[in-house]
């Protein structure tokens, strides 16, 4: 059984993975479509998924092993909003991840790169993902301070 501080640290690392993967993808999408760009976007999508899995698993572990009972979080508005935003963020991320993995399939099969409009549209979707990550982090800090 891992110590609770390690689980909390991994929870933080998961948030950093999600935010950094999304930020890196946004920077790559500012350049014209290229082979290296498609590969970098796919890597970013995989890192985003790993980060979200780390957050879910460590979050459940923290909640169940915390010295505070689970009922302490039930009445926290910040906690409820953060969990709701996290679920919405995961649902919102399905479309860009599927699009990026589709690019990978097409690229491997034919070598074709995505067109500029699709490339920029994906950048807009990823920019919309970055704000909730920051807001969720802020809300969880407020939750730990009793708000």
N, C-alpha and C. Protein backbone atom coordinates (compact mmCIF):
# COMPACT_ATOMS: atom_id res chain seq x y z
N UNK A 1 0.85 -1.17 0.00
CA UNK A 1 0.00 0.00 0.00
C UNK A 1 0.90 1.24 0.00
N UNK A 2 0.61 2.16 -0.93
CA UNK A 2 1.42 3.37 -1.05
C UNK A 2 1.07 4.36 0.04
N UNK A 3 2.06 5.12 0.52
CA UNK A 3 1.75 6.16 1.50
C UNK A 3 0.86 7.23 0.87
N UNK A 4 0.05 7.86 1.72
CA UNK A 4 -0.92 8.84 1.23
C UNK A 4 -0.24 10.04 0.57
N UNK A 5 0.92 10.46 1.07
CA UNK A 5 1.59 11.61 0.46
C UNK A 5 2.03 11.30 -0.97
N UNK A 6 2.40 10.03 -1.25
CA UNK A 6 2.79 9.66 -2.60
C UNK A 6 1.58 9.69 -3.53
N UNK A 7 0.45 9.23 -3.03
CA UNK A 7 -0.79 9.26 -3.81
C UNK A 7 -1.16 10.71 -4.12
N UNK A 8 -1.04 11.59 -3.13
CA UNK A 8 -1.34 13.01 -3.35
C UNK A 8 -0.39 13.62 -4.36
N UNK A 9 0.88 13.25 -4.28
CA UNK A 9 1.86 13.75 -5.23
C UNK A 9 1.54 13.28 -6.64
N UNK A 10 1.18 12.02 -6.79
CA UNK A 10 0.82 11.48 -8.11
C UNK A 10 -0.44 12.16 -8.66
N UNK A 11 -1.35 12.53 -7.77
CA UNK A 11 -2.55 13.25 -8.20
C UNK A 11 -2.15 14.59 -8.83
N UNK A 12 -1.23 15.28 -8.19
CA UNK A 12 -0.71 16.54 -8.71
C UNK A 12 0.01 16.32 -10.04
N UNK A 13 0.80 15.27 -10.13
CA UNK A 13 1.51 14.96 -11.37
C UNK A 13 0.52 14.70 -12.51
N UNK A 14 -0.59 14.03 -12.21
CA UNK A 14 -1.62 13.80 -13.22
C UNK A 14 -2.19 15.09 -13.78
N UNK A 15 -2.44 16.07 -12.88
CA UNK A 15 -2.92 17.37 -13.35
C UNK A 15 -1.88 18.05 -14.23
N UNK A 16 -0.62 17.96 -13.83
CA UNK A 16 0.44 18.56 -14.64
C UNK A 16 0.56 17.87 -16.00
N UNK A 17 0.40 16.56 -16.04
CA UNK A 17 0.44 15.84 -17.31
C UNK A 17 -0.66 16.31 -18.24
N UNK A 18 -1.88 16.44 -17.71
CA UNK A 18 -2.99 16.88 -18.55
C UNK A 18 -2.75 18.29 -19.09
N UNK A 19 -2.36 19.20 -18.20
CA UNK A 19 -2.15 20.59 -18.62
C UNK A 19 -0.98 20.71 -19.59
N UNK A 20 0.12 20.03 -19.31
CA UNK A 20 1.29 20.15 -20.19
C UNK A 20 1.05 19.49 -21.55
N UNK A 21 0.34 18.37 -21.57
CA UNK A 21 0.04 17.72 -22.85
C UNK A 21 -0.84 18.61 -23.71
N UNK A 22 -1.85 19.21 -23.10
CA UNK A 22 -2.74 20.10 -23.85
C UNK A 22 -1.99 21.32 -24.35
N UNK A 23 -1.15 21.91 -23.50
CA UNK A 23 -0.37 23.09 -23.91
C UNK A 23 0.58 22.75 -25.04
N UNK A 24 1.26 21.62 -24.94
CA UNK A 24 2.19 21.21 -26.00
C UNK A 24 1.44 20.99 -27.31
N UNK A 25 0.27 20.38 -27.25
CA UNK A 25 -0.51 20.16 -28.47
C UNK A 25 -0.91 21.49 -29.10
N UNK A 26 -1.28 22.46 -28.28
CA UNK A 26 -1.67 23.77 -28.80
C UNK A 26 -0.50 24.42 -29.54
N UNK A 27 0.70 24.33 -28.96
CA UNK A 27 1.87 24.92 -29.62
C UNK A 27 2.20 24.20 -30.92
N UNK A 28 2.06 22.88 -30.95
CA UNK A 28 2.33 22.14 -32.18
C UNK A 28 1.30 22.50 -33.24
N UNK A 29 0.05 22.70 -32.84
CA UNK A 29 -1.00 23.01 -33.80
C UNK A 29 -0.89 24.43 -34.36
N UNK A 30 -0.02 25.26 -33.81
CA UNK A 30 0.21 26.60 -34.38
C UNK A 30 1.07 26.52 -35.63
N UNK A 31 1.77 25.42 -35.81
CA UNK A 31 2.61 25.23 -36.99
C UNK A 31 1.77 24.56 -38.09
N UNK A 32 2.22 24.63 -39.34
CA UNK A 32 1.49 23.93 -40.41
C UNK A 32 1.55 22.41 -40.20
N UNK A 33 0.57 21.68 -40.73
CA UNK A 33 0.57 20.22 -40.57
C UNK A 33 1.85 19.58 -41.12
N UNK A 34 2.40 18.64 -40.37
CA UNK A 34 3.60 17.93 -40.80
C UNK A 34 3.60 16.54 -40.17
N UNK A 35 4.50 15.70 -40.64
CA UNK A 35 4.61 14.35 -40.06
C UNK A 35 4.97 14.42 -38.58
N UNK A 36 5.97 15.23 -38.28
CA UNK A 36 6.40 15.36 -36.88
C UNK A 36 5.28 15.95 -36.03
N UNK A 37 4.52 16.86 -36.60
CA UNK A 37 3.41 17.46 -35.87
C UNK A 37 2.34 16.45 -35.53
N UNK A 38 1.99 15.60 -36.49
CA UNK A 38 0.98 14.56 -36.23
C UNK A 38 1.47 13.62 -35.14
N UNK A 39 2.74 13.22 -35.21
CA UNK A 39 3.28 12.34 -34.17
C UNK A 39 3.24 13.01 -32.80
N UNK A 40 3.60 14.28 -32.76
CA UNK A 40 3.61 15.00 -31.48
C UNK A 40 2.19 15.15 -30.92
N UNK A 41 1.23 15.39 -31.78
CA UNK A 41 -0.16 15.52 -31.34
C UNK A 41 -0.67 14.19 -30.79
N UNK A 42 -0.32 13.10 -31.45
CA UNK A 42 -0.74 11.77 -30.97
C UNK A 42 -0.10 11.49 -29.61
N UNK A 43 1.18 11.79 -29.46
CA UNK A 43 1.84 11.61 -28.16
C UNK A 43 1.16 12.44 -27.08
N UNK A 44 0.81 13.67 -27.43
CA UNK A 44 0.13 14.54 -26.46
C UNK A 44 -1.22 13.97 -26.05
N UNK A 45 -1.95 13.39 -27.00
CA UNK A 45 -3.25 12.79 -26.68
C UNK A 45 -3.08 11.60 -25.74
N UNK A 46 -2.04 10.79 -25.98
CA UNK A 46 -1.79 9.65 -25.11
C UNK A 46 -1.40 10.12 -23.71
N UNK A 47 -0.56 11.14 -23.62
CA UNK A 47 -0.16 11.68 -22.31
C UNK A 47 -1.36 12.27 -21.59
N UNK A 48 -2.25 12.94 -22.32
CA UNK A 48 -3.47 13.48 -21.72
C UNK A 48 -4.31 12.35 -21.12
N UNK A 49 -4.46 11.26 -21.87
CA UNK A 49 -5.25 10.13 -21.36
C UNK A 49 -4.60 9.49 -20.14
N UNK A 50 -3.27 9.36 -20.16
CA UNK A 50 -2.57 8.81 -19.00
C UNK A 50 -2.77 9.71 -17.79
N UNK A 51 -2.63 11.03 -17.99
CA UNK A 51 -2.84 11.98 -16.90
C UNK A 51 -4.23 11.88 -16.31
N UNK A 52 -5.24 11.76 -17.18
CA UNK A 52 -6.61 11.66 -16.66
C UNK A 52 -6.83 10.36 -15.90
N UNK A 53 -6.23 9.27 -16.36
CA UNK A 53 -6.34 8.00 -15.62
C UNK A 53 -5.64 8.08 -14.26
N UNK A 54 -4.49 8.75 -14.22
CA UNK A 54 -3.78 8.94 -12.95
C UNK A 54 -4.63 9.76 -12.00
N UNK A 55 -5.27 10.80 -12.50
CA UNK A 55 -6.10 11.65 -11.65
C UNK A 55 -7.29 10.88 -11.09
N UNK A 56 -7.96 10.11 -11.95
CA UNK A 56 -9.13 9.35 -11.49
C UNK A 56 -8.71 8.31 -10.45
N UNK A 57 -7.65 7.55 -10.73
CA UNK A 57 -7.26 6.48 -9.80
C UNK A 57 -6.74 7.04 -8.48
N UNK A 58 -5.89 8.07 -8.54
CA UNK A 58 -5.38 8.63 -7.28
C UNK A 58 -6.45 9.43 -6.55
N UNK A 59 -7.35 10.05 -7.29
CA UNK A 59 -8.44 10.79 -6.64
C UNK A 59 -9.34 9.86 -5.85
N UNK A 60 -9.68 8.71 -6.44
CA UNK A 60 -10.49 7.73 -5.71
C UNK A 60 -9.73 7.19 -4.50
N UNK A 61 -8.45 6.92 -4.70
CA UNK A 61 -7.63 6.43 -3.59
C UNK A 61 -7.54 7.46 -2.47
N UNK A 62 -7.33 8.72 -2.84
CA UNK A 62 -7.25 9.79 -1.83
C UNK A 62 -8.57 9.92 -1.08
N UNK A 63 -9.66 9.86 -1.81
CA UNK A 63 -10.97 10.03 -1.18
C UNK A 63 -11.27 8.89 -0.23
N UNK A 64 -10.93 7.68 -0.61
CA UNK A 64 -11.25 6.52 0.22
C UNK A 64 -10.29 6.35 1.39
N UNK A 65 -9.02 6.81 1.24
CA UNK A 65 -8.04 6.62 2.30
C UNK A 65 -7.78 7.88 3.11
N UNK A 66 -8.46 8.95 2.81
CA UNK A 66 -8.23 10.22 3.48
C UNK A 66 -8.65 10.15 4.95
N UNK A 67 -7.98 10.91 5.82
CA UNK A 67 -8.41 10.95 7.21
C UNK A 67 -9.81 11.56 7.35
N UNK A 68 -10.19 12.41 6.38
CA UNK A 68 -11.54 12.96 6.40
C UNK A 68 -12.51 11.93 5.83
N UNK A 69 -13.69 11.83 6.38
CA UNK A 69 -14.66 10.90 5.80
C UNK A 69 -15.16 11.43 4.46
N UNK A 70 -15.69 10.55 3.66
CA UNK A 70 -16.22 10.91 2.35
C UNK A 70 -17.33 11.95 2.46
N UNK A 71 -18.05 11.91 3.56
CA UNK A 71 -19.16 12.87 3.74
C UNK A 71 -18.65 14.30 3.88
N UNK A 72 -17.38 14.49 4.20
CA UNK A 72 -16.84 15.85 4.31
C UNK A 72 -16.82 16.54 2.96
N UNK A 73 -16.74 15.76 1.89
CA UNK A 73 -16.70 16.35 0.55
C UNK A 73 -18.09 16.56 -0.04
N UNK A 74 -19.08 15.87 0.48
CA UNK A 74 -20.42 15.94 -0.09
C UNK A 74 -21.02 17.34 -0.04
N UNK A 75 -20.70 18.10 0.99
CA UNK A 75 -21.32 19.41 1.18
C UNK A 75 -20.49 20.54 0.59
N UNK A 76 -19.37 20.22 -0.03
CA UNK A 76 -18.49 21.23 -0.59
C UNK A 76 -18.94 21.58 -2.01
N UNK A 77 -19.34 22.81 -2.21
CA UNK A 77 -19.75 23.26 -3.53
C UNK A 77 -18.56 23.24 -4.50
N UNK A 78 -17.38 23.66 -4.01
CA UNK A 78 -16.19 23.66 -4.87
C UNK A 78 -15.85 22.24 -5.35
N UNK A 79 -15.97 21.26 -4.46
CA UNK A 79 -15.69 19.88 -4.83
C UNK A 79 -16.68 19.39 -5.89
N UNK A 80 -17.95 19.70 -5.69
CA UNK A 80 -18.97 19.27 -6.65
C UNK A 80 -18.76 19.90 -8.01
N UNK A 81 -18.43 21.18 -8.04
CA UNK A 81 -18.18 21.86 -9.31
C UNK A 81 -16.93 21.29 -9.98
N UNK A 82 -15.88 21.03 -9.19
CA UNK A 82 -14.64 20.48 -9.75
C UNK A 82 -14.86 19.10 -10.36
N UNK A 83 -15.60 18.25 -9.68
CA UNK A 83 -15.87 16.91 -10.22
C UNK A 83 -16.72 17.03 -11.48
N UNK A 84 -17.72 17.89 -11.46
CA UNK A 84 -18.55 18.11 -12.65
C UNK A 84 -17.74 18.62 -13.83
N UNK A 85 -16.84 19.57 -13.56
CA UNK A 85 -15.98 20.09 -14.64
C UNK A 85 -15.03 19.01 -15.16
N UNK A 86 -14.53 18.18 -14.25
CA UNK A 86 -13.63 17.12 -14.67
C UNK A 86 -14.34 16.13 -15.59
N UNK A 87 -15.57 15.77 -15.24
CA UNK A 87 -16.35 14.87 -16.09
C UNK A 87 -16.62 15.52 -17.45
N UNK A 88 -17.00 16.81 -17.43
CA UNK A 88 -17.22 17.51 -18.69
C UNK A 88 -15.94 17.60 -19.52
N UNK A 89 -14.81 17.82 -18.85
CA UNK A 89 -13.53 17.89 -19.55
C UNK A 89 -13.21 16.56 -20.21
N UNK A 90 -13.44 15.47 -19.51
CA UNK A 90 -13.17 14.15 -20.10
C UNK A 90 -14.09 13.89 -21.28
N UNK A 91 -15.36 14.27 -21.15
CA UNK A 91 -16.29 14.10 -22.27
C UNK A 91 -15.90 15.00 -23.44
N UNK A 92 -15.49 16.24 -23.15
CA UNK A 92 -15.09 17.18 -24.19
C UNK A 92 -13.83 16.68 -24.91
N UNK A 93 -12.96 15.99 -24.21
CA UNK A 93 -11.69 15.56 -24.81
C UNK A 93 -11.85 14.35 -25.74
N UNK A 94 -12.99 13.71 -25.73
CA UNK A 94 -13.18 12.52 -26.57
C UNK A 94 -13.07 12.89 -28.05
N UNK A 95 -13.71 13.98 -28.45
CA UNK A 95 -13.72 14.35 -29.87
C UNK A 95 -12.32 14.67 -30.41
N UNK A 96 -11.54 15.56 -29.75
CA UNK A 96 -10.20 15.79 -30.30
C UNK A 96 -9.30 14.56 -30.27
N UNK A 97 -9.44 13.73 -29.24
CA UNK A 97 -8.60 12.53 -29.17
C UNK A 97 -8.96 11.57 -30.31
N UNK A 98 -10.25 11.40 -30.57
CA UNK A 98 -10.66 10.53 -31.69
C UNK A 98 -10.19 11.09 -33.02
N UNK A 99 -10.26 12.43 -33.15
CA UNK A 99 -9.80 13.07 -34.39
C UNK A 99 -8.30 12.83 -34.59
N UNK A 100 -7.54 13.01 -33.53
CA UNK A 100 -6.08 12.85 -33.61
C UNK A 100 -5.71 11.39 -33.90
N UNK A 101 -6.38 10.45 -33.25
CA UNK A 101 -6.09 9.05 -33.51
C UNK A 101 -6.50 8.66 -34.94
N UNK A 102 -7.55 9.31 -35.47
CA UNK A 102 -7.92 9.11 -36.87
C UNK A 102 -6.83 9.62 -37.80
N UNK A 103 -6.23 10.78 -37.46
CA UNK A 103 -5.12 11.30 -38.25
C UNK A 103 -4.00 10.28 -38.29
N UNK A 104 -3.74 9.66 -37.15
CA UNK A 104 -2.65 8.69 -37.06
C UNK A 104 -2.91 7.50 -37.99
N UNK A 105 -4.17 7.00 -37.97
CA UNK A 105 -4.52 5.86 -38.83
C UNK A 105 -4.35 6.22 -40.31
N UNK A 106 -4.88 7.39 -40.70
CA UNK A 106 -4.77 7.82 -42.10
C UNK A 106 -3.32 8.05 -42.47
N UNK A 107 -2.56 8.65 -41.57
CA UNK A 107 -1.16 8.93 -41.85
C UNK A 107 -0.38 7.63 -42.04
N UNK A 108 -0.64 6.64 -41.20
CA UNK A 108 0.06 5.35 -41.35
C UNK A 108 -0.34 4.64 -42.63
N UNK A 109 -1.63 4.74 -42.99
CA UNK A 109 -2.11 4.03 -44.17
C UNK A 109 -1.69 4.71 -45.47
N UNK A 110 -1.85 6.02 -45.56
CA UNK A 110 -1.63 6.71 -46.83
C UNK A 110 -0.53 7.76 -46.80
N UNK A 111 -0.13 8.18 -45.61
CA UNK A 111 0.86 9.25 -45.50
C UNK A 111 0.26 10.64 -45.65
N UNK A 112 -1.07 10.72 -45.74
CA UNK A 112 -1.75 12.01 -45.93
C UNK A 112 -1.82 12.77 -44.60
N UNK A 113 -1.59 14.07 -44.68
CA UNK A 113 -1.67 14.95 -43.52
C UNK A 113 -3.04 15.60 -43.45
N UNK A 114 -3.49 15.99 -42.27
CA UNK A 114 -4.80 16.66 -42.17
C UNK A 114 -4.77 18.03 -42.85
N UNK A 115 -5.94 18.48 -43.31
CA UNK A 115 -6.00 19.80 -43.94
C UNK A 115 -5.92 20.90 -42.88
N UNK A 116 -5.65 22.13 -43.33
CA UNK A 116 -5.44 23.25 -42.40
C UNK A 116 -6.67 23.55 -41.55
N UNK A 117 -7.87 23.46 -42.13
CA UNK A 117 -9.09 23.78 -41.38
C UNK A 117 -9.29 22.80 -40.23
N UNK A 118 -9.08 21.53 -40.46
CA UNK A 118 -9.21 20.52 -39.40
C UNK A 118 -8.14 20.73 -38.34
N UNK A 119 -6.94 21.05 -38.80
CA UNK A 119 -5.81 21.28 -37.90
C UNK A 119 -6.12 22.44 -36.96
N UNK A 120 -6.62 23.56 -37.52
CA UNK A 120 -6.95 24.74 -36.68
C UNK A 120 -8.16 24.48 -35.80
N UNK A 121 -9.14 23.73 -36.30
CA UNK A 121 -10.30 23.39 -35.49
C UNK A 121 -9.94 22.58 -34.26
N UNK A 122 -9.00 21.68 -34.43
CA UNK A 122 -8.52 20.89 -33.30
C UNK A 122 -7.80 21.78 -32.30
N UNK A 123 -7.06 22.75 -32.79
CA UNK A 123 -6.37 23.69 -31.89
C UNK A 123 -7.39 24.46 -31.05
N UNK A 124 -8.49 24.87 -31.65
CA UNK A 124 -9.53 25.58 -30.89
C UNK A 124 -10.13 24.68 -29.81
N UNK A 125 -10.38 23.42 -30.14
CA UNK A 125 -10.94 22.50 -29.16
C UNK A 125 -9.97 22.30 -28.00
N UNK A 126 -8.69 22.19 -28.29
CA UNK A 126 -7.71 21.97 -27.24
C UNK A 126 -7.53 23.21 -26.37
N UNK A 127 -7.64 24.39 -26.95
CA UNK A 127 -7.58 25.62 -26.15
C UNK A 127 -8.74 25.66 -25.17
N UNK A 128 -9.90 25.18 -25.61
CA UNK A 128 -11.06 25.14 -24.72
C UNK A 128 -10.87 24.13 -23.59
N UNK A 129 -10.00 23.14 -23.78
CA UNK A 129 -9.74 22.16 -22.73
C UNK A 129 -8.83 22.70 -21.64
N UNK A 130 -7.99 23.65 -21.98
CA UNK A 130 -6.98 24.10 -21.03
C UNK A 130 -7.57 24.90 -19.87
N UNK A 131 -8.58 25.71 -20.11
CA UNK A 131 -9.17 26.53 -19.05
C UNK A 131 -9.78 25.68 -17.93
N UNK A 132 -10.57 24.64 -18.24
CA UNK A 132 -11.12 23.83 -17.14
C UNK A 132 -10.06 23.16 -16.28
N UNK A 133 -8.92 22.79 -16.85
CA UNK A 133 -7.86 22.17 -16.05
C UNK A 133 -7.40 23.14 -14.97
N UNK A 134 -7.22 24.40 -15.35
CA UNK A 134 -6.80 25.42 -14.37
C UNK A 134 -7.88 25.67 -13.33
N UNK A 135 -9.12 25.75 -13.77
CA UNK A 135 -10.23 26.01 -12.85
C UNK A 135 -10.41 24.84 -11.88
N UNK A 136 -10.28 23.62 -12.37
CA UNK A 136 -10.41 22.44 -11.51
C UNK A 136 -9.33 22.45 -10.44
N UNK A 137 -8.11 22.80 -10.83
CA UNK A 137 -7.02 22.86 -9.85
C UNK A 137 -7.34 23.88 -8.76
N UNK A 138 -7.80 25.05 -9.16
CA UNK A 138 -8.16 26.09 -8.19
C UNK A 138 -9.29 25.62 -7.26
N UNK A 139 -10.31 25.00 -7.82
CA UNK A 139 -11.44 24.53 -7.01
C UNK A 139 -11.01 23.44 -6.03
N UNK A 140 -10.11 22.57 -6.44
CA UNK A 140 -9.66 21.52 -5.52
C UNK A 140 -8.80 22.10 -4.39
N UNK A 141 -8.03 23.14 -4.69
CA UNK A 141 -7.27 23.81 -3.61
C UNK A 141 -8.25 24.44 -2.63
N UNK A 142 -9.28 25.07 -3.14
CA UNK A 142 -10.30 25.67 -2.27
C UNK A 142 -11.00 24.59 -1.43
N UNK A 143 -11.24 23.43 -2.03
CA UNK A 143 -11.88 22.32 -1.30
C UNK A 143 -11.01 21.87 -0.13
N UNK A 144 -9.71 21.76 -0.36
CA UNK A 144 -8.83 21.30 0.71
C UNK A 144 -8.75 22.32 1.86
N UNK A 145 -9.07 23.57 1.56
CA UNK A 145 -9.08 24.59 2.60
C UNK A 145 -10.45 24.78 3.24
N UNK A 146 -11.37 23.90 2.90
CA UNK A 146 -12.65 23.89 3.58
C UNK A 146 -13.77 24.69 2.93
N UNK A 147 -13.60 25.11 1.70
CA UNK A 147 -14.65 25.86 1.02
C UNK A 147 -15.57 24.97 0.24
